[in-house]
């Protein structure tokens, strides 16, 4: 299973640079306003799969970015 588009989202520019080296096709700094709208535009309606290790808020954003009819697979870390 290959991916035509890989969207990397992070707060740290150095991590985004690493994502580019690892073949990410779209880089998005999470501090930028309109992150969800930009990703939807770049992916023509939303992503097919979200993946990552993240907080509950980030987990909820993953659902917002999905293209209709697609799935989300995420690892959520809850504070202890």
C-alpha atoms as a PDB file:
ATOM      1  CA  UNK A   1       0.000   0.000   0.000  1.00  0.00           C
ATOM      2  CA  UNK A   2       1.650   3.217  -1.135  1.00  0.00           C
ATOM      3  CA  UNK A   3       0.773   6.834  -0.580  1.00  0.00           C
ATOM      4  CA  UNK A   4       0.660   9.542  -3.233  1.00  0.00           C
ATOM      5  CA  UNK A   5       0.511  12.307  -0.662  1.00  0.00           C
ATOM      6  CA  UNK A   6       2.024  12.408   2.805  1.00  0.00           C
ATOM      7  CA  UNK A   7       1.095  15.397   4.946  1.00  0.00           C
ATOM      8  CA  UNK A   8       3.385  16.093   7.897  1.00  0.00           C
ATOM      9  CA  UNK A   9       2.074  18.361  10.650  1.00  0.00           C
ATOM     10  CA  UNK A  10       4.200  19.490  13.578  1.00  0.00           C
ATOM     11  CA  UNK A  11       4.967  22.516  15.715  1.00  0.00           C
ATOM     12  CA  UNK A  12       8.730  22.244  15.175  1.00  0.00           C
ATOM     13  CA  UNK A  13      10.259  23.312  11.873  1.00  0.00           C
ATOM     14  CA  UNK A  14      13.229  20.960  12.329  1.00  0.00           C
ATOM     15  CA  UNK A  15      10.832  18.014  12.527  1.00  0.00           C
ATOM     16  CA  UNK A  16       9.076  19.211   9.389  1.00  0.00           C
ATOM     17  CA  UNK A  17      12.452  19.407   7.637  1.00  0.00           C
ATOM     18  CA  UNK A  18      13.098  15.807   8.647  1.00  0.00           C
ATOM     19  CA  UNK A  19       9.666  14.843   7.338  1.00  0.00           C
ATOM     20  CA  UNK A  20      10.597  16.389   3.976  1.00  0.00           C
ATOM     21  CA  UNK A  21      13.769  14.270   3.911  1.00  0.00           C
ATOM     22  CA  UNK A  22      11.564  11.243   4.610  1.00  0.00           C
ATOM     23  CA  UNK A  23       9.443  12.062   1.522  1.00  0.00           C
ATOM     24  CA  UNK A  24       6.534  14.011   2.988  1.00  0.00           C
ATOM     25  CA  UNK A  25       4.800  15.790   0.110  1.00  0.00           C
ATOM     26  CA  UNK A  26       3.134  18.509   2.226  1.00  0.00           C
ATOM     27  CA  UNK A  27       4.546  20.251   5.306  1.00  0.00           C
ATOM     28  CA  UNK A  28       2.263  22.130   7.678  1.00  0.00           C
ATOM     29  CA  UNK A  29       3.298  23.969  10.825  1.00  0.00           C
ATOM     30  CA  UNK A  30       0.523  23.450  13.366  1.00  0.00           C
ATOM     31  CA  UNK A  31       0.937  27.061  14.547  1.00  0.00           C
ATOM     32  CA  UNK A  32      -0.253  28.356  11.168  1.00  0.00           C
ATOM     33  CA  UNK A  33      -3.857  29.573  11.106  1.00  0.00           C
ATOM     34  CA  UNK A  34      -6.246  27.552   8.986  1.00  0.00           C
ATOM     35  CA  UNK A  35      -4.327  24.276   9.229  1.00  0.00           C
ATOM     36  CA  UNK A  36      -7.373  22.083   8.585  1.00  0.00           C
ATOM     37  CA  UNK A  37      -8.540  24.176   5.629  1.00  0.00           C
ATOM     38  CA  UNK A  38      -5.063  24.106   4.095  1.00  0.00           C
ATOM     39  CA  UNK A  39      -4.819  20.334   4.416  1.00  0.00           C
ATOM     40  CA  UNK A  40      -8.277  19.871   2.900  1.00  0.00           C
ATOM     41  CA  UNK A  41      -7.298  22.099  -0.031  1.00  0.00           C
ATOM     42  CA  UNK A  42      -3.918  20.381  -0.538  1.00  0.00           C
ATOM     43  CA  UNK A  43      -5.529  16.922  -0.471  1.00  0.00           C
ATOM     44  CA  UNK A  44      -8.642  17.768  -2.485  1.00  0.00           C
ATOM     45  CA  UNK A  45     -11.142  17.289   0.308  1.00  0.00           C
ATOM     46  CA  UNK A  46      -9.296  15.595   3.145  1.00  0.00           C
ATOM     47  CA  UNK A  47      -6.989  12.724   3.963  1.00  0.00           C
ATOM     48  CA  UNK A  48      -7.692   9.003   3.663  1.00  0.00           C
ATOM     49  CA  UNK A  49      -5.743   8.023   6.753  1.00  0.00           C
ATOM     50  CA  UNK A  50      -4.345   9.854   9.745  1.00  0.00           C
ATOM     51  CA  UNK A  51      -1.634   8.378  11.860  1.00  0.00           C
ATOM     52  CA  UNK A  52       0.480   9.466  14.782  1.00  0.00           C
ATOM     53  CA  UNK A  53       1.026   9.615  18.479  1.00  0.00           C
ATOM     54  CA  UNK A  54      -0.858  12.544  19.862  1.00  0.00           C
ATOM     55  CA  UNK A  55      -3.070  14.144  22.451  1.00  0.00           C
ATOM     56  CA  UNK A  56      -6.857  13.965  22.650  1.00  0.00           C
ATOM     57  CA  UNK A  57      -7.218  17.380  20.968  1.00  0.00           C
ATOM     58  CA  UNK A  58      -4.990  16.277  18.092  1.00  0.00           C
ATOM     59  CA  UNK A  59      -6.974  13.043  17.848  1.00  0.00           C
ATOM     60  CA  UNK A  60     -10.181  15.059  17.375  1.00  0.00           C
ATOM     61  CA  UNK A  61      -8.505  17.181  14.671  1.00  0.00           C
ATOM     62  CA  UNK A  62      -7.647  13.952  12.856  1.00  0.00           C
ATOM     63  CA  UNK A  63     -11.348  13.206  12.455  1.00  0.00           C
ATOM     64  CA  UNK A  64     -11.941  16.703  11.089  1.00  0.00           C
ATOM     65  CA  UNK A  65      -9.329  16.155   8.369  1.00  0.00           C
ATOM     66  CA  UNK A  66     -10.637  12.859   7.039  1.00  0.00           C
ATOM     67  CA  UNK A  67     -12.098  12.674   3.584  1.00  0.00           C
ATOM     68  CA  UNK A  68     -15.708  11.471   3.782  1.00  0.00           C
ATOM     69  CA  UNK A  69     -15.949   7.695   4.039  1.00  0.00           C
ATOM     70  CA  UNK A  70     -12.325   7.136   5.145  1.00  0.00           C
ATOM     71  CA  UNK A  71     -10.914   5.896   8.437  1.00  0.00           C
ATOM     72  CA  UNK A  72      -8.721   7.127  11.236  1.00  0.00           C
ATOM     73  CA  UNK A  73      -6.049   5.087  13.002  1.00  0.00           C
ATOM     74  CA  UNK A  74      -4.383   6.860  15.856  1.00  0.00           C
ATOM     75  CA  UNK A  75      -2.508   6.255  19.067  1.00  0.00           C
ATOM     76  CA  UNK A  76      -3.763   8.579  21.783  1.00  0.00           C
ATOM     77  CA  UNK A  77      -1.723   9.372  24.868  1.00  0.00           C
ATOM     78  CA  UNK A  78      -3.714  10.461  27.888  1.00  0.00           C
ATOM     79  CA  UNK A  79      -2.026  12.243  30.774  1.00  0.00           C
ATOM     80  CA  UNK A  80      -1.572  10.044  33.820  1.00  0.00           C
END
